[in-house]
Amino acid sequence: MPLKFDLKYTYTFFILAVMLLLMMMWHLGYWGVLETSEARYAEISREMLASGNWIKPQLLGIYHFDKPIITYWISGFGQYLFGVNPFGCRFFLQVAYLFQLFLVFKISVHLFSSTRKAFFAFLIYAGFPLVLISVRNLTTDAYLNTFELLGVYLWIRHTLARKPLWLYLFFIDLGVAILTKGPVGLLLPLLMIYPIQKILAPERKNVNAIHVWAGTALMLLIGSSWFVALVAQSPKLYHFFMGQQIIDRMFHAQVLRRNEPFWYYLAYFPLLLFPFILLIPQTVIRAIRKKDNTVRLILLFGIGIPLLFFSISSSKRVLYVLPMAPYVAILAGWLLDELPWPRLKKYAWMTSLFYLILLLATGAVFLGMIPSITIVPTLPAWIILLAGMGLLMASVCNMTKTKLIAQSLLFPVCLIPVSTYILHQAGTDINAITPVVNYLEAEHLDQRKIVVWDKRLPSLAFELEKEVYSVYDKNADLDRNTAFQENDNWKKNLINIHQPDEVSYLKQLINQPSILLVKGKDFPGDFKWILQTYPNLRTIGKWSIYY
């Protein structure tokens, strides 16, 4: 298929990509790390940077082997460059976003031999809520998605050039994907091998088996390096990785409290790709009617089979299906280019209404019209919001396909920057500990020993850059796996209130200059003797600070 190359789309792509990167950097560190997976990744990376131990990740002084090493390394490097702060943690996520945009564009160019279709796919992908969520909150999913996309692109280059270099780069990338999130990182790149071969080089013979075996060996060597290094030091880790981290995640997610029903992704995946996900049913119909083998193969191997796999898998989280998002964007871009404009008008008005509602809802928050949310917008926030409204109105006037698809940019260039102000002011309502940290620093309490009651709070340790002491009562999050500890030093930071010897240690600790941090106002009656040590109380959001 000859390439339909239009230079204006390529130039516009690079201009918009740079603009998007700048907008994604806007106030990137304006809100604290959230007490979710982000706080864990941030604190583990900080402890790595502080200790110099880049092989054994630790969370609050206890080894944490639940995820492979790559995300910690990237986040740690960001903190090395920009300091221990939210910006340093999130910086390379925005770089990954930019790289994903480039890969979606290039993959689409090769699959459909059209820069116009590729440009449409890029615009759609840039505005997917699922994609934007993944790069605004530090987890491993955005990096895994990047390496999976890169693997697909490298296989395309190998298929076209038939040079061993691209093949070996493909296998190296797969090895890094394994080091990012385990064997699941192989799923999409391996699934896409067959459709890429059928689309781009159906008549060519298979690749040299020697290079395939050598590349596979290289992939396994890289992908298993961290696991092998750890198991060599502690053989018990083999059963941990194979049992809990692979088998339990696949078949016994109730052990990890992540089991969801089969229909979980069928409900949530479309919501986070709205509104362009609505084009996929029509894509299926058109592909069948037109007997378009390229589209059918992408539908099956890029969306259908992975969706079935993730739905059958016992462990479910929304971002697990992120690697399917590029193929939704690629197919939606194809359909929008193929369909005549009259058939898109109803869809165009519905899409415009969707973005108008989002912008008006944000304005309502700014004006205080929603009683449960109190936000004081700044002048830049109003300017960005009004600019977004102006862009939407401009796209509605004399609507075209390009203007319709460009509406998806309202998310990254308007709603994402505006959300930084909302997140900054929401504080403890979004599980950020920053308001508490600000108070401790203002009152010069941050130099005291900090005791946290029945909560694992890595965000506090991260923002204060110091160790915290957790008192374990009933919270399962504090029932840490200590089987791989090399000594008992961890006990000084994790105190079991039901062990008499540890209660004695707690009494010694709180009799020193210290504060007690409790979530909520209720405190177990059996342990109220602890509060007698602290004459002062300050409440900030959900937290009670005793000192």
Protein backbone atom coordinates (compact mmCIF):
# COMPACT_ATOMS: atom_id res chain seq x y z
CA MET A 1 0.00 0.00 0.00
CA PRO A 2 1.63 3.31 -1.05
CA LEU A 3 2.14 5.85 1.72
CA LYS A 4 -0.21 8.84 1.57
CA PHE A 5 2.28 11.33 2.92
CA ASP A 6 1.16 14.85 3.73
CA LEU A 7 3.89 17.00 5.22
CA LYS A 8 1.47 19.39 6.91
CA TYR A 9 0.21 16.62 9.21
CA THR A 10 3.75 15.68 10.20
CA TYR A 11 4.74 19.28 10.94
CA THR A 12 1.52 19.89 12.85
CA PHE A 13 2.07 16.71 14.85
CA PHE A 14 5.46 17.86 16.12
CA ILE A 15 4.21 21.37 16.95
CA LEU A 16 1.22 20.02 18.87
CA ALA A 17 3.32 17.36 20.62
CA VAL A 18 5.66 20.00 22.02
CA MET A 19 2.70 22.15 23.08
CA LEU A 20 1.09 19.18 24.83
CA LEU A 21 4.30 18.40 26.70
CA LEU A 22 4.48 21.99 27.95
CA MET A 23 0.85 21.94 29.07
CA MET A 24 1.35 18.63 30.87
CA MET A 25 4.30 20.13 32.74
CA TRP A 26 2.13 23.02 33.96
CA HIS A 27 2.11 22.96 37.79
CA LEU A 28 3.07 19.28 37.67
CA GLY A 29 4.27 19.37 41.27
CA TYR A 30 1.50 21.68 42.49
CA TRP A 31 -0.21 18.95 44.53
CA GLY A 32 1.33 16.37 46.82
CA VAL A 33 1.79 12.69 46.06
CA LEU A 34 -1.52 10.94 46.62
CA GLU A 35 -1.91 8.26 49.24
CA THR A 36 -2.51 5.55 46.68
CA SER A 37 -0.03 3.60 44.59
CA GLU A 38 1.65 6.93 43.79
CA ALA A 39 2.82 7.47 47.37
CA ARG A 40 4.25 3.95 47.52
CA TYR A 41 6.22 4.35 44.29
CA ALA A 42 7.42 7.81 45.31
CA GLU A 43 8.60 6.74 48.76
CA ILE A 44 10.24 3.52 47.56
CA SER A 45 12.15 5.55 44.96
CA ARG A 46 13.15 8.09 47.61
CA GLU A 47 14.41 5.36 49.94
CA MET A 48 16.39 3.87 47.04
CA LEU A 49 17.97 7.23 46.31
CA ALA A 50 18.74 7.83 50.00
CA SER A 51 20.18 4.37 50.69
CA GLY A 52 21.92 3.75 47.38
CA ASN A 53 20.36 0.27 47.27
CA TRP A 54 18.90 0.12 43.74
CA ILE A 55 18.21 -3.64 43.77
CA LYS A 56 16.09 -4.21 46.87
CA PRO A 57 13.17 -1.76 47.04
CA GLN A 58 12.05 -0.82 50.53
CA LEU A 59 8.81 0.80 51.69
CA LEU A 60 9.06 2.44 55.11
CA GLY A 61 12.10 0.33 55.88
CA ILE A 62 10.63 -3.05 54.86
CA TYR A 63 11.47 -4.84 51.61
CA HIS A 64 8.72 -4.46 49.02
CA PHE A 65 9.07 -6.87 46.11
CA ASP A 66 5.52 -6.61 44.75
CA LYS A 67 6.61 -4.88 41.52
CA PRO A 68 9.78 -5.09 39.41
CA ILE A 69 12.42 -2.43 39.47
CA ILE A 70 12.16 -0.17 36.39
CA THR A 71 9.54 2.29 37.64
CA TYR A 72 11.48 2.84 40.85
CA TRP A 73 14.64 3.54 38.87
CA ILE A 74 12.92 6.04 36.59
CA SER A 75 11.22 7.83 39.49
CA GLY A 76 14.44 7.81 41.49
CA PHE A 77 16.31 9.35 38.58
CA GLY A 78 13.64 12.05 38.33
CA GLN A 79 14.13 12.84 42.02
CA TYR A 80 17.90 12.91 41.51
CA LEU A 81 17.48 15.49 38.74
CA PHE A 82 14.72 17.66 40.22
CA GLY A 83 14.77 16.90 43.94
CA VAL A 84 12.58 14.81 46.22
CA ASN A 85 9.24 16.34 45.27
CA PRO A 86 6.11 15.48 43.27
CA PHE A 87 7.50 17.11 40.12
CA GLY A 88 10.58 14.90 40.20
CA CYS A 89 8.39 11.81 40.61
CA ARG A 90 6.05 12.69 37.74
CA PHE A 91 8.45 14.31 35.25
CA PHE A 92 9.30 11.20 33.24
CA LEU A 93 5.63 10.23 33.07
CA GLN A 94 5.11 13.31 30.90
CA VAL A 95 8.10 12.32 28.76
CA ALA A 96 6.54 8.87 28.41
CA TYR A 97 3.27 10.53 27.30
CA LEU A 98 5.12 12.46 24.58
CA PHE A 99 6.88 9.28 23.42
CA GLN A 100 3.55 7.42 23.33
CA LEU A 101 2.09 10.12 21.08
CA PHE A 102 5.01 9.70 18.70
CA LEU A 103 4.66 5.91 18.68
CA VAL A 104 0.89 5.99 18.08
CA PHE A 105 1.47 8.35 15.15
CA LYS A 106 4.26 6.23 13.62
CA ILE A 107 2.49 2.90 14.15
CA SER A 108 -0.66 4.25 12.52
CA VAL A 109 1.35 5.65 9.59
CA HIS A 110 2.79 2.21 8.89
CA LEU A 111 -0.43 0.25 9.40
CA PHE A 112 -2.59 2.47 7.17
CA SER A 113 0.05 4.18 4.97
CA SER A 114 -1.58 7.53 5.71
CA THR A 115 -0.27 10.49 7.69
CA ARG A 116 -3.81 11.89 7.83
CA LYS A 117 -5.17 8.78 9.59
CA ALA A 118 -2.11 8.77 11.84
CA PHE A 119 -2.66 12.43 12.74
CA PHE A 120 -6.29 11.71 13.64
CA ALA A 121 -5.20 8.75 15.80
CA PHE A 122 -2.64 10.94 17.58
CA LEU A 123 -5.21 13.64 18.38
CA ILE A 124 -7.67 11.10 19.73
CA TYR A 125 -5.09 9.27 21.82
CA ALA A 126 -3.73 12.53 23.28
CA GLY A 127 -7.11 13.27 24.86
CA PHE A 128 -8.12 9.89 26.23
CA PRO A 129 -8.93 10.29 29.95
CA LEU A 130 -7.46 6.84 30.66
CA VAL A 131 -4.13 7.84 29.14
CA LEU A 132 -4.03 11.18 30.95
CA ILE A 133 -4.84 9.56 34.30
CA SER A 134 -1.94 7.16 33.81
CA VAL A 135 0.62 9.95 33.33
CA ARG A 136 -0.64 12.24 36.11
CA ASN A 137 -0.39 9.68 38.90
CA LEU A 138 2.83 7.74 39.47
CA THR A 139 2.29 4.04 38.80
CA THR A 140 4.01 1.50 36.61
CA ASP A 141 1.22 1.37 34.00
CA ALA A 142 2.26 4.37 31.88
CA TYR A 143 5.81 3.08 31.56
CA LEU A 144 4.60 -0.42 30.72
CA ASN A 145 2.31 1.04 28.04
CA THR A 146 5.27 2.93 26.58
CA PHE A 147 7.47 -0.16 26.37
CA GLU A 148 4.65 -2.23 24.86
CA LEU A 149 4.03 0.42 22.20
CA LEU A 150 7.75 0.64 21.52
CA GLY A 151 7.87 -3.13 21.09
CA VAL A 152 5.12 -3.00 18.47
CA TYR A 153 6.89 -0.19 16.63
CA LEU A 154 10.22 -2.06 16.67
CA TRP A 155 8.53 -5.16 15.24
CA ILE A 156 7.04 -3.03 12.47
CA ARG A 157 10.49 -1.68 11.64
CA HIS A 158 11.89 -5.20 11.61
CA THR A 159 9.07 -6.45 9.39
CA LEU A 160 9.72 -3.68 6.86
CA ALA A 161 13.53 -3.66 6.94
CA ARG A 162 14.20 -7.34 7.78
CA LYS A 163 17.38 -6.31 9.59
CA PRO A 164 18.46 -8.26 12.71
CA LEU A 165 19.15 -5.00 14.59
CA TRP A 166 15.43 -4.17 14.82
CA LEU A 167 14.69 -7.73 15.93
CA TYR A 168 17.21 -7.57 18.76
CA LEU A 169 15.97 -4.14 19.83
CA PHE A 170 12.47 -5.64 19.92
CA PHE A 171 13.57 -8.41 22.27
CA ILE A 172 15.59 -6.01 24.44
CA ASP A 173 12.48 -3.86 24.79
CA LEU A 174 10.43 -6.90 25.82
CA GLY A 175 13.01 -7.70 28.48
CA VAL A 176 12.66 -4.18 29.86
CA ALA A 177 8.84 -4.56 29.76
CA ILE A 178 9.16 -7.65 31.97
CA LEU A 179 11.31 -5.65 34.38
CA THR A 180 8.54 -3.05 34.44
CA LYS A 181 5.56 -5.20 35.38
CA GLY A 182 6.39 -8.84 34.83
CA PRO A 183 5.33 -11.23 32.04
CA VAL A 184 2.09 -9.30 31.33
CA GLY A 185 4.29 -6.80 29.46
CA LEU A 186 4.68 -9.36 26.67
CA LEU A 187 0.97 -9.67 25.90
CA LEU A 188 0.26 -6.88 23.41
CA PRO A 189 3.65 -6.90 21.59
CA LEU A 190 3.47 -10.66 21.02
CA LEU A 191 -0.18 -10.55 20.01
CA MET A 192 0.56 -7.86 17.42
CA ILE A 193 3.30 -9.88 15.67
CA TYR A 194 0.82 -11.85 13.55
CA PRO A 195 -1.35 -8.92 12.36
CA ILE A 196 1.71 -6.80 11.56
CA GLN A 197 3.15 -9.61 9.47
CA LYS A 198 -0.15 -10.12 7.63
CA ILE A 199 -0.67 -6.40 7.04
CA LEU A 200 2.83 -5.28 6.07
CA ALA A 201 4.58 -8.32 4.63
CA PRO A 202 2.17 -11.21 3.91
CA GLU A 203 4.41 -12.72 1.21
CA ARG A 204 7.69 -12.65 3.09
CA LYS A 205 9.17 -15.69 4.76
CA ASN A 206 9.51 -16.01 8.48
CA VAL A 207 12.49 -14.47 10.22
CA ASN A 208 15.73 -16.42 10.68
CA ALA A 209 15.20 -18.86 13.55
CA ILE A 210 18.73 -18.31 14.89
CA HIS A 211 18.03 -14.63 15.47
CA VAL A 212 14.69 -15.43 17.07
CA TRP A 213 16.23 -17.87 19.55
CA ALA A 214 19.11 -15.53 20.28
CA GLY A 215 16.72 -12.60 20.76
CA THR A 216 14.47 -14.68 23.02
CA ALA A 217 17.47 -15.64 25.13
CA LEU A 218 18.47 -11.98 25.37
CA MET A 219 14.92 -11.02 26.39
CA LEU A 220 14.83 -13.68 29.11
CA LEU A 221 18.28 -12.71 30.34
CA ILE A 222 17.26 -9.05 30.72
CA GLY A 223 13.73 -9.72 31.96
CA SER A 224 14.77 -12.24 34.60
CA SER A 225 17.96 -10.50 35.76
CA TRP A 226 16.44 -8.74 38.76
CA PHE A 227 14.37 -11.75 39.81
CA VAL A 228 17.33 -14.13 39.50
CA ALA A 229 19.58 -11.78 41.46
CA LEU A 230 17.07 -11.67 44.32
CA VAL A 231 16.29 -15.39 44.32
CA ALA A 232 20.02 -16.15 44.38
CA GLN A 233 20.21 -14.23 47.66
CA SER A 234 16.94 -15.55 49.08
CA PRO A 235 15.50 -18.74 47.47
CA LYS A 236 12.20 -18.17 49.31
CA LEU A 237 11.52 -15.30 46.93
CA TYR A 238 10.95 -17.78 44.09
CA HIS A 239 7.70 -18.96 45.69
CA PHE A 240 6.72 -15.36 46.40
CA PHE A 241 7.15 -14.29 42.77
CA MET A 242 5.57 -17.39 41.25
CA GLY A 243 2.78 -17.82 43.78
CA GLN A 244 1.57 -14.43 44.97
CA GLN A 245 2.79 -12.18 42.17
CA ILE A 246 1.80 -14.33 39.16
CA ILE A 247 -0.62 -17.12 40.11
CA ASP A 248 -2.60 -15.16 42.72
CA ARG A 249 -2.91 -12.11 40.46
CA MET A 250 -4.22 -14.29 37.66
CA PHE A 251 -6.50 -16.67 39.55
CA HIS A 252 -6.81 -15.72 43.24
CA ALA A 253 -7.12 -11.92 43.31
CA GLN A 254 -9.25 -12.09 46.46
CA VAL A 255 -5.98 -12.70 48.29
CA LEU A 256 -4.81 -9.26 47.10
CA ARG A 257 -8.30 -7.70 47.49
CA ARG A 258 -8.42 -6.95 43.76
CA ASN A 259 -11.07 -9.36 42.55
CA GLU A 260 -13.73 -7.76 40.39
CA PRO A 261 -16.54 -9.27 38.27
CA PHE A 262 -15.99 -10.38 34.67
CA TRP A 263 -17.85 -7.33 33.29
CA TYR A 264 -15.59 -4.87 35.16
CA TYR A 265 -13.64 -3.75 32.07
CA LEU A 266 -16.69 -3.82 29.83
CA ALA A 267 -18.15 -1.11 32.08
CA TYR A 268 -15.14 1.05 32.96
CA PHE A 269 -12.89 0.80 29.89
CA PRO A 270 -15.39 2.58 27.57
CA LEU A 271 -16.07 5.31 30.14
CA LEU A 272 -12.39 6.26 30.26
CA LEU A 273 -12.10 6.37 26.47
CA PHE A 274 -15.23 8.42 25.96
CA PRO A 275 -16.42 9.81 23.58
CA PHE A 276 -14.33 8.28 20.77
CA ILE A 277 -14.90 4.73 22.02
CA LEU A 278 -18.41 5.13 20.58
CA LEU A 279 -16.89 4.82 17.11
CA ILE A 280 -15.65 1.27 17.69
CA PRO A 281 -18.99 -0.53 17.06
CA GLN A 282 -19.29 1.29 13.74
CA THR A 283 -15.66 0.40 13.02
CA VAL A 284 -16.52 -3.27 13.46
CA ILE A 285 -19.51 -2.98 11.12
CA ARG A 286 -17.57 -1.11 8.44
CA ALA A 287 -14.62 -3.51 8.64
CA ILE A 288 -16.95 -6.48 8.06
CA ARG A 289 -18.83 -4.82 5.21
CA LYS A 290 -15.70 -3.54 3.46
CA LYS A 291 -13.77 -6.75 4.23
CA ASP A 292 -10.92 -4.62 5.54
CA ASN A 293 -8.44 -7.18 6.80
CA THR A 294 -6.16 -4.59 8.43
CA VAL A 295 -8.92 -3.21 10.65
CA ARG A 296 -10.25 -6.67 11.51
CA LEU A 297 -6.81 -7.85 12.60
CA ILE A 298 -6.25 -4.79 14.80
CA LEU A 299 -9.71 -5.17 16.32
CA LEU A 300 -9.08 -8.82 17.17
CA PHE A 301 -5.46 -8.73 18.34
CA GLY A 302 -5.24 -5.18 19.69
CA ILE A 303 -8.59 -5.03 21.51
CA GLY A 304 -10.66 -8.24 21.40
CA ILE A 305 -8.21 -10.86 22.69
CA PRO A 306 -6.56 -8.58 25.29
CA LEU A 307 -9.98 -7.50 26.62
CA LEU A 308 -10.98 -11.15 27.01
CA PHE A 309 -7.67 -11.95 28.72
CA PHE A 310 -7.95 -9.11 31.23
CA SER A 311 -11.63 -9.88 31.88
CA ILE A 312 -10.85 -13.54 32.66
CA SER A 313 -7.90 -12.57 34.86
CA SER A 314 -8.87 -12.51 38.51
CA SER A 315 -6.94 -9.35 39.44
CA LYS A 316 -8.44 -6.20 37.91
CA ARG A 317 -7.55 -2.52 37.99
CA VAL A 318 -8.66 0.09 35.44
CA LEU A 319 -5.15 0.95 34.28
CA TYR A 320 -4.32 -2.69 33.51
CA VAL A 321 -6.10 -2.28 30.15
CA LEU A 322 -4.24 0.91 29.26
CA PRO A 323 -2.15 -0.84 26.51
CA MET A 324 -5.37 -1.37 24.52
CA ALA A 325 -6.05 2.38 24.31
CA PRO A 326 -3.64 3.05 21.37
CA TYR A 327 -5.52 0.60 19.16
CA VAL A 328 -8.87 2.20 20.00
CA ALA A 329 -7.37 5.55 18.93
CA ILE A 330 -5.84 4.10 15.76
CA LEU A 331 -9.13 2.51 14.70
CA ALA A 332 -11.19 5.58 15.59
CA GLY A 333 -8.79 7.71 13.52
CA TRP A 334 -9.18 5.30 10.61
CA LEU A 335 -12.99 5.42 10.76
CA LEU A 336 -13.19 9.21 11.01
CA ASP A 337 -11.01 9.53 7.94
CA GLU A 338 -13.04 6.95 6.02
CA LEU A 339 -16.57 8.14 6.79
CA PRO A 340 -18.09 11.01 4.79
CA TRP A 341 -18.79 14.12 6.85
CA PRO A 342 -22.64 13.94 6.66
CA ARG A 343 -22.52 10.61 8.53
CA LEU A 344 -20.50 12.21 11.32
CA LYS A 345 -22.64 15.27 12.04
CA LYS A 346 -24.77 13.69 14.78
CA TYR A 347 -21.69 12.28 16.43
CA ALA A 348 -19.97 15.68 16.16
CA TRP A 349 -22.78 17.47 17.98
CA MET A 350 -22.88 14.81 20.70
CA THR A 351 -19.10 15.10 21.20
CA SER A 352 -19.28 18.89 21.37
CA LEU A 353 -22.06 18.65 23.96
CA PHE A 354 -19.95 16.27 26.04
CA TYR A 355 -16.99 18.66 26.20
CA LEU A 356 -19.31 21.63 26.83
CA ILE A 357 -20.81 19.87 29.85
CA LEU A 358 -17.32 19.17 31.23
CA LEU A 359 -16.25 22.79 30.82
CA LEU A 360 -19.48 24.14 32.33
CA ALA A 361 -19.18 21.71 35.26
CA THR A 362 -15.64 22.96 35.92
CA GLY A 363 -16.91 26.54 35.77
CA ALA A 364 -19.65 25.64 38.25
CA VAL A 365 -16.98 24.31 40.64
CA PHE A 366 -15.02 27.56 40.27
CA LEU A 367 -18.14 29.64 40.99
CA GLY A 368 -18.94 27.66 44.14
CA MET A 369 -22.17 26.28 42.76
CA ILE A 370 -21.44 22.77 44.05
CA PRO A 371 -21.76 22.94 47.87
CA SER A 372 -19.57 19.93 48.64
CA ILE A 373 -16.59 21.34 46.70
CA THR A 374 -14.86 24.57 47.70
CA ILE A 375 -12.28 25.82 45.21
CA VAL A 376 -10.88 29.33 44.92
CA PRO A 377 -9.71 29.61 41.29
CA THR A 378 -6.76 31.80 40.37
CA LEU A 379 -6.69 34.15 37.40
CA PRO A 380 -4.59 31.73 35.28
CA ALA A 381 -7.12 28.98 36.01
CA TRP A 382 -9.97 31.18 34.75
CA ILE A 383 -7.97 32.18 31.67
CA ILE A 384 -7.25 28.54 30.77
CA LEU A 385 -10.88 27.54 31.32
CA LEU A 386 -12.24 30.43 29.23
CA ALA A 387 -9.66 29.71 26.53
CA GLY A 388 -10.91 26.13 26.44
CA MET A 389 -14.48 27.36 26.09
CA GLY A 390 -13.38 29.62 23.23
CA LEU A 391 -11.60 26.76 21.48
CA LEU A 392 -14.73 24.61 21.76
CA MET A 393 -16.93 27.34 20.30
CA ALA A 394 -14.43 27.91 17.48
CA SER A 395 -14.49 24.20 16.62
CA VAL A 396 -18.29 24.14 16.52
CA CYS A 397 -18.39 27.00 14.01
CA ASN A 398 -17.99 25.57 10.52
CA MET A 399 -17.22 22.12 11.94
CA THR A 400 -14.86 19.80 10.02
CA LYS A 401 -13.39 16.39 10.76
CA THR A 402 -10.15 17.90 11.98
CA LYS A 403 -11.96 20.36 14.27
CA LEU A 404 -14.10 17.55 15.62
CA ILE A 405 -11.10 15.40 16.52
CA ALA A 406 -9.16 18.40 17.83
CA GLN A 407 -11.79 18.75 20.55
CA SER A 408 -10.08 15.83 22.28
CA LEU A 409 -7.18 18.21 23.02
CA LEU A 410 -9.45 20.10 25.42
CA PHE A 411 -8.49 17.50 28.02
CA PRO A 412 -4.68 17.91 27.95
CA VAL A 413 -4.55 21.65 27.10
CA CYS A 414 -7.42 22.87 29.27
CA LEU A 415 -8.94 20.46 31.77
CA ILE A 416 -5.65 18.89 32.89
CA PRO A 417 -3.93 22.25 33.64
CA VAL A 418 -7.09 23.49 35.38
CA SER A 419 -7.24 20.29 37.45
CA THR A 420 -3.87 21.16 39.01
CA TYR A 421 -5.53 24.06 40.86
CA ILE A 422 -8.37 21.82 42.03
CA LEU A 423 -6.00 19.10 43.21
CA HIS A 424 -3.82 21.65 44.99
CA GLN A 425 -6.74 22.99 47.01
CA ALA A 426 -8.53 19.69 47.57
CA GLY A 427 -5.81 18.59 50.00
CA THR A 428 -6.80 15.73 52.28
CA ASP A 429 -10.05 15.20 50.34
CA ILE A 430 -7.99 13.54 47.59
CA ASN A 431 -5.76 11.64 50.04
CA ALA A 432 -2.92 14.15 49.90
CA ILE A 433 -0.99 14.67 53.15
CA THR A 434 0.47 18.03 52.07
CA PRO A 435 -1.79 20.21 54.32
CA VAL A 436 -0.64 18.21 57.34
CA VAL A 437 3.01 18.52 56.29
CA ASN A 438 2.61 22.28 55.81
CA TYR A 439 1.23 22.63 59.32
CA LEU A 440 3.98 20.52 60.88
CA GLU A 441 6.64 22.58 59.14
CA ALA A 442 5.01 25.90 60.03
CA GLU A 443 4.82 24.92 63.72
CA HIS A 444 8.32 23.38 63.65
CA LEU A 445 6.88 20.01 64.60
CA ASP A 446 8.40 18.21 61.62
CA GLN A 447 11.68 17.61 63.48
CA ARG A 448 9.95 15.48 66.11
CA LYS A 449 9.42 11.76 65.82
CA ILE A 450 6.19 11.15 63.94
CA VAL A 451 3.95 8.29 65.01
CA VAL A 452 1.08 7.29 62.71
CA TRP A 453 -1.80 5.33 64.20
CA ASP A 454 -2.89 2.24 62.23
CA LYS A 455 -2.11 3.67 58.79
CA ARG A 456 0.64 3.03 56.27
CA LEU A 457 1.49 6.57 55.22
CA PRO A 458 4.39 6.65 52.73
CA SER A 459 3.29 10.08 51.46
CA LEU A 460 4.20 11.56 54.86
CA ALA A 461 7.65 9.96 54.87
CA PHE A 462 8.18 11.15 51.29
CA GLU A 463 7.17 14.77 51.82
CA LEU A 464 9.12 15.11 55.08
CA GLU A 465 12.04 13.02 53.79
CA LYS A 466 12.31 11.17 57.08
CA GLU A 467 11.30 7.90 58.71
CA VAL A 468 7.90 7.58 60.37
CA TYR A 469 6.69 5.14 63.01
CA SER A 470 3.55 3.15 62.24
CA VAL A 471 1.46 1.60 65.02
CA TYR A 472 -0.34 -1.52 63.81
CA ASP A 473 -3.74 -2.22 65.33
CA LYS A 474 -6.22 -3.65 62.78
CA ASN A 475 -5.37 -2.18 59.36
CA ALA A 476 -4.44 -4.97 56.93
CA ASP A 477 -2.14 -2.59 55.03
CA LEU A 478 0.21 -2.74 58.01
CA ASP A 479 0.28 -6.52 58.02
CA ARG A 480 3.54 -6.34 56.08
CA ASN A 481 5.43 -9.29 54.61
CA THR A 482 8.62 -9.42 56.69
CA ALA A 483 9.71 -12.93 55.71
CA PHE A 484 12.59 -11.60 53.63
CA GLN A 485 14.04 -9.17 56.18
CA GLU A 486 17.67 -9.79 57.02
CA ASN A 487 17.33 -8.58 60.63
CA ASP A 488 14.79 -7.13 63.07
CA ASN A 489 15.58 -3.46 62.44
CA TRP A 490 12.19 -3.02 60.75
CA LYS A 491 10.44 -3.46 64.09
CA LYS A 492 11.50 -0.01 65.24
CA ASN A 493 9.29 1.56 62.56
CA LEU A 494 6.38 -0.91 62.64
CA ILE A 495 5.00 -1.36 66.15
CA ASN A 496 2.38 -4.01 66.90
CA ILE A 497 0.20 -2.57 69.64
CA HIS A 498 -0.89 -6.09 70.62
CA GLN A 499 2.64 -7.23 71.51
CA PRO A 500 3.64 -6.30 75.10
CA ASP A 501 7.33 -5.82 74.33
CA GLU A 502 6.48 -3.52 71.43
CA VAL A 503 4.05 -1.55 73.60
CA SER A 504 6.97 -0.86 75.95
CA TYR A 505 8.98 0.42 72.99
CA LEU A 506 6.03 2.64 71.94
CA LYS A 507 5.88 4.16 75.43
CA GLN A 508 9.55 5.07 75.19
CA LEU A 509 8.98 6.55 71.76
CA ILE A 510 6.03 8.80 72.63
CA ASN A 511 7.74 10.08 75.76
CA GLN A 512 10.31 11.69 73.48
CA PRO A 513 9.49 14.86 71.51
CA SER A 514 6.92 13.39 69.12
CA ILE A 515 3.53 13.82 67.50
CA LEU A 516 0.73 11.31 66.97
CA LEU A 517 -1.17 11.38 63.69
CA VAL A 518 -4.61 9.77 63.63
CA LYS A 519 -7.05 9.58 60.73
CA GLY A 520 -10.45 10.70 61.97
CA LYS A 521 -11.51 11.77 65.42
CA ASP A 522 -12.30 8.38 66.94
CA PHE A 523 -9.55 6.61 68.85
CA PRO A 524 -9.83 3.06 70.30
CA GLY A 525 -10.84 3.26 73.93
CA ASP A 526 -8.40 0.59 75.03
CA PHE A 527 -5.47 2.72 73.93
CA LYS A 528 -6.54 6.21 74.97
CA TRP A 529 -3.71 6.21 77.49
CA ILE A 530 -1.52 7.12 74.51
CA LEU A 531 -3.36 10.42 74.07
CA GLN A 532 -2.53 11.49 77.63
CA THR A 533 1.02 12.12 76.45
CA TYR A 534 -0.16 14.86 74.09
CA PRO A 535 -1.89 17.94 75.56
CA ASN A 536 -2.53 19.63 72.20
CA LEU A 537 -4.78 18.70 69.30
CA ARG A 538 -5.10 20.18 65.84
CA THR A 539 -7.50 18.83 63.20
CA ILE A 540 -6.69 19.26 59.50
CA GLY A 541 -9.17 17.71 57.11
CA LYS A 542 -9.43 14.01 57.90
CA TRP A 543 -6.41 14.04 60.23
CA SER A 544 -6.05 14.68 63.95
CA ILE A 545 -2.59 15.82 65.07
CA TYR A 546 -1.75 15.22 68.74
CA TYR A 547 1.38 16.90 70.09
